[in-house]
Amino acid sequence: MTPTPEIAVKTDDLRKTYAGPKGDVPAVRGIDLDVRRGEFFGLLGPNGAGKSTTIGMLTTLVKPTSGKASVCGFDVVNDAVEVKRRIGMVSQNNTLDSELTAVENLEFRGRFFGLGPRAARRRAEELLELFGLTDRRDGNPFELSGGQAKRLMIGRALVHRPEVLFLDEPTAGLDPQNRVNLWDLLRDLQSQGQTILLTTHYMEEAEVLCDRLAVVDHGEVLARGTVAELKDSAGADTVITVSYDGDVPAKLDGLAARDGISKVEVNGGQVRVFSTAPEGLLGELVSAGAAAGVNVTDASQLRPSLETVFLNLTGRDYRD
């Protein structure tokens, strides 16, 4: 595996299997990824999909069972120290040091990465201002709100100006206001050239933030691409609904047998057509009504959302 300079993160058949009391438990089953420099890339999947394990391997916290992974051109197993120098990591849980103040958490991280005392203090103050935490600089990080603590964790991950920022479910547990504010902050970071790899199970978050996505479930990549590409390629149906002021035209009886139409539902004077090839269908339904002497009273066309794509790929079973 030879990553090109424009690729920040690359994996090739990456796998992780844990030994369990009843046998081996595969958590990641051969994931292939490539994240470009400056890209906001998302791993989207339900709970237990293998997202956090994948992040763990990419950040050298979890050793792969097999396969290859590199970050900024360095192998995550053979060149782990070089990888750590080039990444920032924000986990789901609060990992701030409760024995240090907010500013000291940032200074300590700077000193750890080789900054002198003055440079570490200067960088800490810069990040506190950037993340709107200057007035909390001397407070205990565990007295911060959820949104403030998350911002401080992201600031700490950025102290040494990493090439790649890894975010594992960064808005889990945040209220809507804090979530949206954090989205704005992350978009600003990317606009300045920051490469970001995010895991999430929030559809809206993935759609708002990510340039490209990989949908992951049971340790495998089910689909990847931009949101638009995923909607086009995942086989999700567009739903066309037409209501008539009389019975549904008999001319439409054979519609369900047509290629590209997965289902037709008729209820009184209303017909709903589920199709992966909806072009021209709405006009055809309107024309069929006119030919049968009935008028259209209502019509709509609902294109697939990222949520319908996600459910098509991963199913609707409950996940713990």
C-alpha atoms as a PDB file:
ATOM      1  CA  MET A   1       0.000   0.000   0.000  1.00  0.00           C
ATOM      2  CA  THR A   2       1.644   3.214  -1.218  1.00  0.00           C
ATOM      3  CA  PRO A   3      -0.409   6.302  -0.302  1.00  0.00           C
ATOM      4  CA  THR A   4      -0.182   9.274  -2.632  1.00  0.00           C
ATOM      5  CA  PRO A   5       0.707  12.720  -1.225  1.00  0.00           C
ATOM      6  CA  GLU A   6      -2.860  13.990  -1.555  1.00  0.00           C
ATOM      7  CA  ILE A   7      -4.194  11.089   0.565  1.00  0.00           C
ATOM      8  CA  ALA A   8      -4.143  11.756   4.321  1.00  0.00           C
ATOM      9  CA  VAL A   9      -5.615   8.435   5.534  1.00  0.00           C
ATOM     10  CA  LYS A  10      -5.637   5.124   3.705  1.00  0.00           C
ATOM     11  CA  THR A  11      -6.655   1.602   4.701  1.00  0.00           C
ATOM     12  CA  ASP A  12      -6.430  -1.647   2.793  1.00  0.00           C
ATOM     13  CA  ASP A  13      -8.453  -4.671   3.978  1.00  0.00           C
ATOM     14  CA  LEU A  14      -8.202  -3.431   7.577  1.00  0.00           C
ATOM     15  CA  ARG A  15      -9.480  -5.981  10.094  1.00  0.00           C
ATOM     16  CA  LYS A  16      -9.836  -6.351  13.848  1.00  0.00           C
ATOM     17  CA  THR A  17     -10.967  -9.531  15.573  1.00  0.00           C
ATOM     18  CA  TYR A  18     -11.320  -9.924  19.321  1.00  0.00           C
ATOM     19  CA  ALA A  19     -11.092 -13.233  21.161  1.00  0.00           C
ATOM     20  CA  GLY A  20     -14.272 -13.965  23.103  1.00  0.00           C
ATOM     21  CA  PRO A  21     -15.372 -16.747  25.478  1.00  0.00           C
ATOM     22  CA  LYS A  22     -17.432 -18.267  22.664  1.00  0.00           C
ATOM     23  CA  GLY A  23     -14.888 -17.734  19.905  1.00  0.00           C
ATOM     24  CA  ASP A  24     -13.532 -14.926  17.786  1.00  0.00           C
ATOM     25  CA  VAL A  25     -15.615 -11.748  17.418  1.00  0.00           C
ATOM     26  CA  PRO A  26     -14.892  -9.771  14.238  1.00  0.00           C
ATOM     27  CA  ALA A  27     -15.320  -6.034  14.886  1.00  0.00           C
ATOM     28  CA  VAL A  28     -13.910  -4.733  11.592  1.00  0.00           C
ATOM     29  CA  ARG A  29     -14.040  -6.978   8.517  1.00  0.00           C
ATOM     30  CA  GLY A  30     -11.851  -5.626   5.761  1.00  0.00           C
ATOM     31  CA  ILE A  31     -12.392  -1.879   5.502  1.00  0.00           C
ATOM     32  CA  ASP A  32     -10.903   0.071   2.581  1.00  0.00           C
ATOM     33  CA  LEU A  33     -10.815   3.851   2.938  1.00  0.00           C
ATOM     34  CA  ASP A  34      -9.031   6.827   1.452  1.00  0.00           C
ATOM     35  CA  VAL A  35      -9.372  10.295   2.953  1.00  0.00           C
ATOM     36  CA  ARG A  36      -7.977  13.210   0.973  1.00  0.00           C
ATOM     37  CA  ARG A  37      -6.038  16.055   2.523  1.00  0.00           C
ATOM     38  CA  GLY A  38      -8.335  18.911   3.494  1.00  0.00           C
ATOM     39  CA  GLU A  39     -11.396  16.683   3.294  1.00  0.00           C
ATOM     40  CA  PHE A  40     -14.168  16.291   5.864  1.00  0.00           C
ATOM     41  CA  PHE A  41     -14.806  12.540   5.757  1.00  0.00           C
ATOM     42  CA  GLY A  42     -17.485  10.732   7.740  1.00  0.00           C
ATOM     43  CA  LEU A  43     -17.919   7.171   8.951  1.00  0.00           C
ATOM     44  CA  LEU A  44     -21.682   6.805   9.312  1.00  0.00           C
ATOM     45  CA  GLY A  45     -23.158   3.763  10.991  1.00  0.00           C
ATOM     46  CA  PRO A  46     -25.381   2.461  13.793  1.00  0.00           C
ATOM     47  CA  ASN A  47     -24.140   1.565  17.261  1.00  0.00           C
ATOM     48  CA  GLY A  48     -21.754  -1.380  17.141  1.00  0.00           C
ATOM     49  CA  ALA A  49     -20.960  -0.912  13.449  1.00  0.00           C
ATOM     50  CA  GLY A  50     -17.177  -0.846  13.968  1.00  0.00           C
ATOM     51  CA  LYS A  51     -16.668   2.919  13.619  1.00  0.00           C
ATOM     52  CA  SER A  52     -14.881   3.478  16.928  1.00  0.00           C
ATOM     53  CA  THR A  53     -12.700   0.395  16.456  1.00  0.00           C
ATOM     54  CA  THR A  54     -11.673   1.710  13.050  1.00  0.00           C
ATOM     55  CA  ILE A  55     -10.787   5.097  14.573  1.00  0.00           C
ATOM     56  CA  GLY A  56      -8.887   3.277  17.317  1.00  0.00           C
ATOM     57  CA  MET A  57      -6.718   1.511  14.740  1.00  0.00           C
ATOM     58  CA  LEU A  58      -6.108   4.694  12.742  1.00  0.00           C
ATOM     59  CA  THR A  59      -4.989   6.532  15.888  1.00  0.00           C
ATOM     60  CA  THR A  60      -2.691   3.637  17.011  1.00  0.00           C
ATOM     61  CA  LEU A  61      -4.811   2.870  20.109  1.00  0.00           C
ATOM     62  CA  VAL A  62      -5.975  -0.493  18.739  1.00  0.00           C
ATOM     63  CA  LYS A  63      -3.637  -2.884  16.931  1.00  0.00           C
ATOM     64  CA  PRO A  64      -5.111  -4.302  13.717  1.00  0.00           C
ATOM     65  CA  THR A  65      -5.462  -8.055  13.379  1.00  0.00           C
ATOM     66  CA  SER A  66      -4.569  -7.816   9.693  1.00  0.00           C
ATOM     67  CA  GLY A  67      -4.595  -5.430   6.763  1.00  0.00           C
ATOM     68  CA  LYS A  68      -2.833  -2.103   6.389  1.00  0.00           C
ATOM     69  CA  ALA A  69      -3.500   1.479   7.444  1.00  0.00           C
ATOM     70  CA  SER A  70      -1.468   4.642   7.027  1.00  0.00           C
ATOM     71  CA  VAL A  71      -1.890   8.225   8.183  1.00  0.00           C
ATOM     72  CA  CYS A  72       0.066  10.965   6.408  1.00  0.00           C
ATOM     73  CA  GLY A  73       2.082   8.234   4.723  1.00  0.00           C
ATOM     74  CA  PHE A  74       3.120   6.475   7.957  1.00  0.00           C
ATOM     75  CA  ASP A  75       2.046   2.944   8.870  1.00  0.00           C
ATOM     76  CA  VAL A  76      -0.088   2.909  12.030  1.00  0.00           C
ATOM     77  CA  VAL A  77       1.723  -0.174  13.387  1.00  0.00           C
ATOM     78  CA  ASN A  78       5.317   0.200  12.200  1.00  0.00           C
ATOM     79  CA  ASP A  79       5.472   4.015  12.437  1.00  0.00           C
ATOM     80  CA  ALA A  80       3.094   4.629  15.345  1.00  0.00           C
ATOM     81  CA  VAL A  81       5.179   7.432  16.861  1.00  0.00           C
ATOM     82  CA  GLU A  82       5.230   9.365  13.577  1.00  0.00           C
ATOM     83  CA  VAL A  83       1.469   8.898  13.240  1.00  0.00           C
ATOM     84  CA  LYS A  84       0.854  10.220  16.764  1.00  0.00           C
ATOM     85  CA  ARG A  85       2.849  13.360  15.996  1.00  0.00           C
ATOM     86  CA  ARG A  86       0.551  14.154  13.082  1.00  0.00           C
ATOM     87  CA  ILE A  87      -2.899  13.478  14.521  1.00  0.00           C
ATOM     88  CA  GLY A  88      -5.319  14.942  17.035  1.00  0.00           C
ATOM     89  CA  MET A  89      -7.974  12.777  18.624  1.00  0.00           C
ATOM     90  CA  VAL A  90     -11.249  13.662  20.364  1.00  0.00           C
ATOM     91  CA  SER A  91     -13.020  10.696  21.950  1.00  0.00           C
ATOM     92  CA  GLN A  92     -16.662  10.345  22.922  1.00  0.00           C
ATOM     93  CA  ASN A  93     -15.978  10.619  26.652  1.00  0.00           C
ATOM     94  CA  ASN A  94     -14.552  13.563  28.565  1.00  0.00           C
ATOM     95  CA  THR A  95     -10.820  12.846  28.892  1.00  0.00           C
ATOM     96  CA  LEU A  96      -9.786  16.266  30.239  1.00  0.00           C
ATOM     97  CA  ASP A  97      -7.548  16.295  33.323  1.00  0.00           C
ATOM     98  CA  SER A  98      -9.651  17.283  36.335  1.00  0.00           C
ATOM     99  CA  GLU A  99      -6.498  18.214  38.290  1.00  0.00           C
ATOM    100  CA  LEU A 100      -5.688  20.999  35.801  1.00  0.00           C
ATOM    101  CA  THR A 101      -7.527  24.160  34.842  1.00  0.00           C
ATOM    102  CA  ALA A 102      -8.808  24.638  31.300  1.00  0.00           C
ATOM    103  CA  VAL A 103      -5.745  26.619  30.237  1.00  0.00           C
ATOM    104  CA  GLU A 104      -3.413  24.147  31.952  1.00  0.00           C
ATOM    105  CA  ASN A 105      -4.986  21.258  30.015  1.00  0.00           C
ATOM    106  CA  LEU A 106      -3.951  23.025  26.813  1.00  0.00           C
ATOM    107  CA  GLU A 107      -0.525  24.076  28.076  1.00  0.00           C
ATOM    108  CA  PHE A 108       0.290  20.569  29.274  1.00  0.00           C
ATOM    109  CA  ARG A 109      -0.567  19.123  25.860  1.00  0.00           C
ATOM    110  CA  GLY A 110       1.669  21.720  24.214  1.00  0.00           C
ATOM    111  CA  ARG A 111       4.589  20.861  26.484  1.00  0.00           C
ATOM    112  CA  PHE A 112       4.010  17.164  25.797  1.00  0.00           C
ATOM    113  CA  PHE A 113       4.455  17.846  22.082  1.00  0.00           C
ATOM    114  CA  GLY A 114       7.662  19.802  22.600  1.00  0.00           C
ATOM    115  CA  LEU A 115       6.576  23.423  22.924  1.00  0.00           C
ATOM    116  CA  GLY A 116       8.491  25.595  25.368  1.00  0.00           C
ATOM    117  CA  PRO A 117       6.662  27.201  28.327  1.00  0.00           C
ATOM    118  CA  ARG A 118       6.006  30.524  26.582  1.00  0.00           C
ATOM    119  CA  ALA A 119       4.999  28.944  23.283  1.00  0.00           C
ATOM    120  CA  ALA A 120       2.673  26.507  25.094  1.00  0.00           C
ATOM    121  CA  ARG A 121       1.017  29.351  27.032  1.00  0.00           C
ATOM    122  CA  ARG A 122       0.661  31.448  23.857  1.00  0.00           C
ATOM    123  CA  ARG A 123      -0.912  28.555  21.943  1.00  0.00           C
ATOM    124  CA  ALA A 124      -3.263  27.775  24.855  1.00  0.00           C
ATOM    125  CA  GLU A 125      -4.504  31.373  25.026  1.00  0.00           C
ATOM    126  CA  GLU A 126      -4.951  31.421  21.239  1.00  0.00           C
ATOM    127  CA  LEU A 127      -7.124  28.307  21.339  1.00  0.00           C
ATOM    128  CA  LEU A 128      -9.170  29.505  24.312  1.00  0.00           C
ATOM    129  CA  GLU A 129     -10.032  32.624  22.332  1.00  0.00           C
ATOM    130  CA  LEU A 130     -10.750  30.656  19.153  1.00  0.00           C
ATOM    131  CA  PHE A 131     -13.187  28.366  20.969  1.00  0.00           C
ATOM    132  CA  GLY A 132     -14.855  31.064  23.074  1.00  0.00           C
ATOM    133  CA  LEU A 133     -13.480  29.790  26.391  1.00  0.00           C
ATOM    134  CA  THR A 134     -11.326  32.710  27.547  1.00  0.00           C
ATOM    135  CA  ASP A 135     -13.644  33.463  30.471  1.00  0.00           C
ATOM    136  CA  ARG A 136     -13.349  29.834  31.641  1.00  0.00           C
ATOM    137  CA  ARG A 137      -9.561  29.620  31.365  1.00  0.00           C
ATOM    138  CA  ASP A 138      -8.981  29.120  35.106  1.00  0.00           C
ATOM    139  CA  GLY A 139     -11.977  26.904  35.759  1.00  0.00           C
ATOM    140  CA  ASN A 140     -12.065  23.181  36.400  1.00  0.00           C
ATOM    141  CA  PRO A 141     -12.866  21.414  33.104  1.00  0.00           C
ATOM    142  CA  PHE A 142     -15.427  19.215  34.831  1.00  0.00           C
ATOM    143  CA  GLU A 143     -17.400  22.316  35.797  1.00  0.00           C
ATOM    144  CA  LEU A 144     -17.835  23.230  32.132  1.00  0.00           C
ATOM    145  CA  SER A 145     -21.045  22.562  30.214  1.00  0.00           C
ATOM    146  CA  GLY A 146     -21.073  19.644  27.793  1.00  0.00           C
ATOM    147  CA  GLY A 147     -20.570  21.935  24.812  1.00  0.00           C
ATOM    148  CA  GLN A 148     -17.743  23.862  26.496  1.00  0.00           C
ATOM    149  CA  ALA A 149     -15.953  20.665  27.526  1.00  0.00           C
ATOM    150  CA  LYS A 150     -16.201  19.317  23.974  1.00  0.00           C
ATOM    151  CA  ARG A 151     -14.776  22.561  22.577  1.00  0.00           C
ATOM    152  CA  LEU A 152     -11.912  22.386  25.047  1.00  0.00           C
ATOM    153  CA  MET A 153     -11.198  18.776  24.032  1.00  0.00           C
ATOM    154  CA  ILE A 154     -11.085  19.785  20.372  1.00  0.00           C
ATOM    155  CA  GLY A 155      -8.819  22.703  21.257  1.00  0.00           C
ATOM    156  CA  ARG A 156      -6.510  20.348  23.140  1.00  0.00           C
ATOM    157  CA  ALA A 157      -6.376  18.020  20.122  1.00  0.00           C
ATOM    158  CA  LEU A 158      -5.317  20.980  17.957  1.00  0.00           C
ATOM    159  CA  VAL A 159      -2.544  22.338  20.220  1.00  0.00           C
ATOM    160  CA  HIS A 160       0.267  20.812  18.120  1.00  0.00           C
ATOM    161  CA  ARG A 161      -1.431  21.678  14.790  1.00  0.00           C
ATOM    162  CA  PRO A 162      -2.090  18.090  13.659  1.00  0.00           C
ATOM    163  CA  GLU A 163      -2.436  17.211  10.008  1.00  0.00           C
ATOM    164  CA  VAL A 164      -5.492  15.023  10.672  1.00  0.00           C
ATOM    165  CA  LEU A 165      -8.161  15.532  13.334  1.00  0.00           C
ATOM    166  CA  PHE A 166     -10.138  12.436  14.388  1.00  0.00           C
ATOM    167  CA  LEU A 167     -13.532  12.988  16.030  1.00  0.00           C
ATOM    168  CA  ASP A 168     -15.406  10.029  17.516  1.00  0.00           C
ATOM    169  CA  GLU A 169     -19.118  10.919  17.873  1.00  0.00           C
ATOM    170  CA  PRO A 170     -18.227  14.524  18.828  1.00  0.00           C
ATOM    171  CA  THR A 171     -21.783  15.783  19.390  1.00  0.00           C
ATOM    172  CA  ALA A 172     -23.191  12.772  21.255  1.00  0.00           C
ATOM    173  CA  GLY A 173     -25.094  14.020  24.293  1.00  0.00           C
ATOM    174  CA  LEU A 174     -25.066  17.679  23.261  1.00  0.00           C
ATOM    175  CA  ASP A 175     -28.254  19.734  23.049  1.00  0.00           C
ATOM    176  CA  PRO A 176     -29.314  21.057  19.626  1.00  0.00           C
ATOM    177  CA  GLN A 177     -27.853  24.536  20.159  1.00  0.00           C
ATOM    178  CA  ASN A 178     -24.440  23.235  21.195  1.00  0.00           C
ATOM    179  CA  ARG A 179     -24.496  20.716  18.378  1.00  0.00           C
ATOM    180  CA  VAL A 180     -25.128  23.354  15.713  1.00  0.00           C
ATOM    181  CA  ASN A 181     -22.500  25.681  17.234  1.00  0.00           C
ATOM    182  CA  LEU A 182     -19.962  22.863  17.148  1.00  0.00           C
ATOM    183  CA  TRP A 183     -20.826  22.183  13.498  1.00  0.00           C
ATOM    184  CA  ASP A 184     -20.024  25.821  12.688  1.00  0.00           C
ATOM    185  CA  LEU A 185     -16.705  25.533  14.492  1.00  0.00           C
ATOM    186  CA  LEU A 186     -15.765  22.350  12.626  1.00  0.00           C
ATOM    187  CA  ARG A 187     -16.694  23.858   9.268  1.00  0.00           C
ATOM    188  CA  ASP A 188     -14.446  26.820  10.045  1.00  0.00           C
ATOM    189  CA  LEU A 189     -11.573  24.467  10.851  1.00  0.00           C
ATOM    190  CA  GLN A 190     -11.988  22.640   7.563  1.00  0.00           C
ATOM    191  CA  SER A 191     -12.176  25.902   5.628  1.00  0.00           C
ATOM    192  CA  GLN A 192      -8.683  26.612   6.958  1.00  0.00           C
ATOM    193  CA  GLY A 193      -7.410  23.344   5.448  1.00  0.00           C
ATOM    194  CA  GLN A 194      -7.859  20.950   8.372  1.00  0.00           C
ATOM    195  CA  THR A 195      -8.377  17.294   7.405  1.00  0.00           C
ATOM    196  CA  ILE A 196     -11.126  15.819   9.594  1.00  0.00           C
ATOM    197  CA  LEU A 197     -12.357  12.249   9.970  1.00  0.00           C
ATOM    198  CA  LEU A 198     -15.614  12.002  11.893  1.00  0.00           C
ATOM    199  CA  THR A 199     -17.661   9.088  13.170  1.00  0.00           C
ATOM    200  CA  THR A 200     -21.372   9.671  13.712  1.00  0.00           C
ATOM    201  CA  HIS A 201     -24.765   8.019  13.646  1.00  0.00           C
ATOM    202  CA  TYR A 202     -26.552  11.345  13.152  1.00  0.00           C
ATOM    203  CA  MET A 203     -27.774  11.593   9.565  1.00  0.00           C
ATOM    204  CA  GLU A 204     -28.162  15.380   9.648  1.00  0.00           C
ATOM    205  CA  GLU A 205     -24.651  15.809  11.020  1.00  0.00           C
ATOM    206  CA  ALA A 206     -23.146  13.679   8.268  1.00  0.00           C
ATOM    207  CA  GLU A 207     -25.109  15.502   5.584  1.00  0.00           C
ATOM    208  CA  VAL A 208     -24.249  18.977   6.890  1.00  0.00           C
ATOM    209  CA  LEU A 209     -20.539  18.432   7.505  1.00  0.00           C
ATOM    210  CA  CYS A 210     -19.068  15.736   5.304  1.00  0.00           C
ATOM    211  CA  ASP A 211     -17.625  16.027   1.800  1.00  0.00           C
ATOM    212  CA  ARG A 212     -17.768  12.250   1.497  1.00  0.00           C
ATOM    213  CA  LEU A 213     -19.121   9.403   3.601  1.00  0.00           C
ATOM    214  CA  ALA A 214     -18.638   5.714   4.128  1.00  0.00           C
ATOM    215  CA  VAL A 215     -21.665   3.864   5.515  1.00  0.00           C
ATOM    216  CA  VAL A 216     -20.387   1.158   7.868  1.00  0.00           C
ATOM    217  CA  ASP A 217     -22.232  -1.740   9.483  1.00  0.00           C
ATOM    218  CA  HIS A 218     -21.091  -5.036  11.022  1.00  0.00           C
ATOM    219  CA  GLY A 219     -17.495  -3.951  10.420  1.00  0.00           C
ATOM    220  CA  GLU A 220     -17.857  -3.505   6.657  1.00  0.00           C
ATOM    221  CA  VAL A 221     -18.199  -0.541   4.310  1.00  0.00           C
ATOM    222  CA  LEU A 222     -21.594  -0.889   2.624  1.00  0.00           C
ATOM    223  CA  ALA A 223     -21.360   2.215   0.438  1.00  0.00           C
ATOM    224  CA  ARG A 224     -19.233   5.329   0.023  1.00  0.00           C
ATOM    225  CA  GLY A 225     -19.326   8.635  -1.814  1.00  0.00           C
ATOM    226  CA  THR A 226     -20.856  12.075  -1.520  1.00  0.00           C
ATOM    227  CA  VAL A 227     -24.360  12.361  -0.092  1.00  0.00           C
ATOM    228  CA  ALA A 228     -25.724  12.831  -3.608  1.00  0.00           C
ATOM    229  CA  GLU A 229     -23.817   9.778  -4.880  1.00  0.00           C
ATOM    230  CA  LEU A 230     -25.088   7.649  -2.013  1.00  0.00           C
ATOM    231  CA  LYS A 231     -28.665   8.665  -2.708  1.00  0.00           C
ATOM    232  CA  ASP A 232     -28.232   7.791  -6.372  1.00  0.00           C
ATOM    233  CA  SER A 233     -26.426   4.488  -5.867  1.00  0.00           C
ATOM    234  CA  ALA A 234     -27.981   2.874  -2.812  1.00  0.00           C
ATOM    235  CA  GLY A 235     -31.227   1.882  -4.495  1.00  0.00           C
ATOM    236  CA  ALA A 236     -33.408   4.053  -2.287  1.00  0.00           C
ATOM    237  CA  ASP A 237     -36.832   4.733  -3.773  1.00  0.00           C
ATOM    238  CA  THR A 238     -38.351   8.025  -4.758  1.00  0.00           C
ATOM    239  CA  VAL A 239     -41.993   8.004  -3.634  1.00  0.00           C
ATOM    240  CA  ILE A 240     -44.498   9.614  -6.007  1.00  0.00           C
ATOM    241  CA  THR A 241     -48.006  10.172  -4.619  1.00  0.00           C
ATOM    242  CA  VAL A 242     -50.969  11.277  -6.737  1.00  0.00           C
ATOM    243  CA  SER A 243     -54.555  11.756  -5.546  1.00  0.00           C
ATOM    244  CA  TYR A 244     -57.501  11.810  -7.981  1.00  0.00           C
ATOM    245  CA  ASP A 245     -61.087  12.984  -7.548  1.00  0.00           C
ATOM    246  CA  GLY A 246     -62.185   9.524  -8.656  1.00  0.00           C
ATOM    247  CA  ASP A 247     -60.845   5.988  -8.820  1.00  0.00           C
ATOM    248  CA  VAL A 248     -57.221   5.395  -9.748  1.00  0.00           C
ATOM    249  CA  PRO A 249     -57.117   4.905 -13.549  1.00  0.00           C
ATOM    250  CA  ALA A 250     -57.176   1.249 -14.629  1.00  0.00           C
ATOM    251  CA  LYS A 251     -54.401   2.079 -17.081  1.00  0.00           C
ATOM    252  CA  LEU A 252     -51.999   2.029 -14.121  1.00  0.00           C
ATOM    253  CA  ASP A 253     -52.758  -1.577 -13.136  1.00  0.00           C
ATOM    254  CA  GLY A 254     -49.586  -2.956 -14.753  1.00  0.00           C
ATOM    255  CA  LEU A 255     -47.274  -0.296 -13.339  1.00  0.00           C
ATOM    256  CA  ALA A 256     -45.810  -2.553 -10.615  1.00  0.00           C
ATOM    257  CA  ALA A 257     -44.333  -4.919 -13.215  1.00  0.00           C
ATOM    258  CA  ARG A 258     -42.239  -2.206 -14.823  1.00  0.00           C
ATOM    259  CA  ASP A 259     -38.456  -2.137 -14.362  1.00  0.00           C
ATOM    260  CA  GLY A 260     -37.348   0.368 -11.749  1.00  0.00           C
ATOM    261  CA  ILE A 261     -40.638   0.266  -9.849  1.00  0.00           C
ATOM    262  CA  SER A 262     -40.432  -1.686  -6.615  1.00  0.00           C
ATOM    263  CA  LYS A 263     -43.962  -1.195  -5.304  1.00  0.00           C
ATOM    264  CA  VAL A 264     -47.329   0.412  -6.118  1.00  0.00           C
ATOM    265  CA  GLU A 265     -49.884   1.140  -3.385  1.00  0.00           C
ATOM    266  CA  VAL A 266     -53.488   2.062  -4.223  1.00  0.00           C
ATOM    267  CA  ASN A 267     -55.885   3.382  -1.593  1.00  0.00           C
ATOM    268  CA  GLY A 268     -59.190   4.628  -2.952  1.00  0.00           C
ATOM    269  CA  GLY A 269     -58.387   7.536  -5.234  1.00  0.00           C
ATOM    270  CA  GLN A 270     -54.719   7.705  -4.273  1.00  0.00           C
ATOM    271  CA  VAL A 271     -51.754   5.898  -5.804  1.00  0.00           C
ATOM    272  CA  ARG A 272     -48.221   5.768  -4.387  1.00  0.00           C
ATOM    273  CA  VAL A 273     -45.411   4.576  -6.632  1.00  0.00           C
ATOM    274  CA  PHE A 274     -41.987   3.604  -5.237  1.00  0.00           C
ATOM    275  CA  SER A 275     -39.328   3.845  -7.907  1.00  0.00           C
ATOM    276  CA  THR A 276     -35.559   3.995  -8.354  1.00  0.00           C
ATOM    277  CA  ALA A 277     -36.153   5.497 -11.829  1.00  0.00           C
ATOM    278  CA  PRO A 278     -38.745   8.238 -11.234  1.00  0.00           C
ATOM    279  CA  GLU A 279     -38.057  10.379 -14.289  1.00  0.00           C
ATOM    280  CA  GLY A 280     -41.321  11.106 -16.110  1.00  0.00           C
ATOM    281  CA  LEU A 281     -43.491   9.067 -13.751  1.00  0.00           C
ATOM    282  CA  LEU A 282     -45.328  11.998 -12.197  1.00  0.00           C
ATOM    283  CA  GLY A 283     -46.299  13.330 -15.625  1.00  0.00           C
ATOM    284  CA  GLU A 284     -47.443   9.863 -16.662  1.00  0.00           C
ATOM    285  CA  LEU A 285     -49.705   9.561 -13.602  1.00  0.00           C
ATOM    286  CA  VAL A 286     -51.232  12.967 -14.306  1.00  0.00           C
ATOM    287  CA  SER A 287     -51.772  12.096 -17.976  1.00  0.00           C
ATOM    288  CA  ALA A 288     -53.373   8.767 -17.052  1.00  0.00           C
ATOM    289  CA  GLY A 289     -55.873  10.622 -14.876  1.00  0.00           C
ATOM    290  CA  ALA A 290     -56.735  13.040 -17.677  1.00  0.00           C
ATOM    291  CA  ALA A 291     -57.207  10.175 -20.138  1.00  0.00           C
ATOM    292  CA  ALA A 292     -59.556   8.431 -17.664  1.00  0.00           C
ATOM    293  CA  GLY A 293     -61.565  11.599 -17.070  1.00  0.00           C
ATOM    294  CA  VAL A 294     -60.462  12.155 -13.459  1.00  0.00           C
ATOM    295  CA  ASN A 295     -58.698  15.208 -12.116  1.00  0.00           C
ATOM    296  CA  VAL A 296     -55.555  15.280  -9.996  1.00  0.00           C
ATOM    297  CA  THR A 297     -56.292  16.882  -6.617  1.00  0.00           C
ATOM    298  CA  ASP A 298     -52.820  16.525  -5.133  1.00  0.00           C
ATOM    299  CA  ALA A 299     -49.382  15.327  -6.244  1.00  0.00           C
ATOM    300  CA  SER A 300     -45.979  15.039  -4.590  1.00  0.00           C
ATOM    301  CA  GLN A 301     -42.586  13.529  -5.283  1.00  0.00           C
ATOM    302  CA  LEU A 302     -40.393  12.663  -2.284  1.00  0.00           C
ATOM    303  CA  ARG A 303     -36.812  11.945  -3.214  1.00  0.00           C
ATOM    304  CA  PRO A 304     -34.684   9.672  -0.996  1.00  0.00           C
ATOM    305  CA  SER A 305     -33.025  11.265   2.026  1.00  0.00           C
ATOM    306  CA  LEU A 306     -29.774  10.166   3.608  1.00  0.00           C
ATOM    307  CA  GLU A 307     -31.888   8.536   6.307  1.00  0.00           C
ATOM    308  CA  THR A 308     -33.748   6.350   3.783  1.00  0.00           C
ATOM    309  CA  VAL A 309     -30.408   5.403   2.195  1.00  0.00           C
ATOM    310  CA  PHE A 310     -28.995   4.550   5.637  1.00  0.00           C
ATOM    311  CA  LEU A 311     -31.976   2.385   6.564  1.00  0.00           C
ATOM    312  CA  ASN A 312     -31.924   0.650   3.173  1.00  0.00           C
ATOM    313  CA  LEU A 313     -28.302  -0.296   3.759  1.00  0.00           C
ATOM    314  CA  THR A 314     -28.304  -1.137   7.475  1.00  0.00           C
ATOM    315  CA  GLY A 315     -31.896  -2.261   8.119  1.00  0.00           C
ATOM    316  CA  ARG A 316     -34.321  -1.182  10.813  1.00  0.00           C
ATOM    317  CA  ASP A 317     -33.428  -3.581  13.655  1.00  0.00           C
ATOM    318  CA  TYR A 318     -32.917  -2.077  17.099  1.00  0.00           C
ATOM    319  CA  ARG A 319     -29.260  -1.626  18.115  1.00  0.00           C
ATOM    320  CA  ASP A 320     -27.938  -1.498  21.672  1.00  0.00           C
END
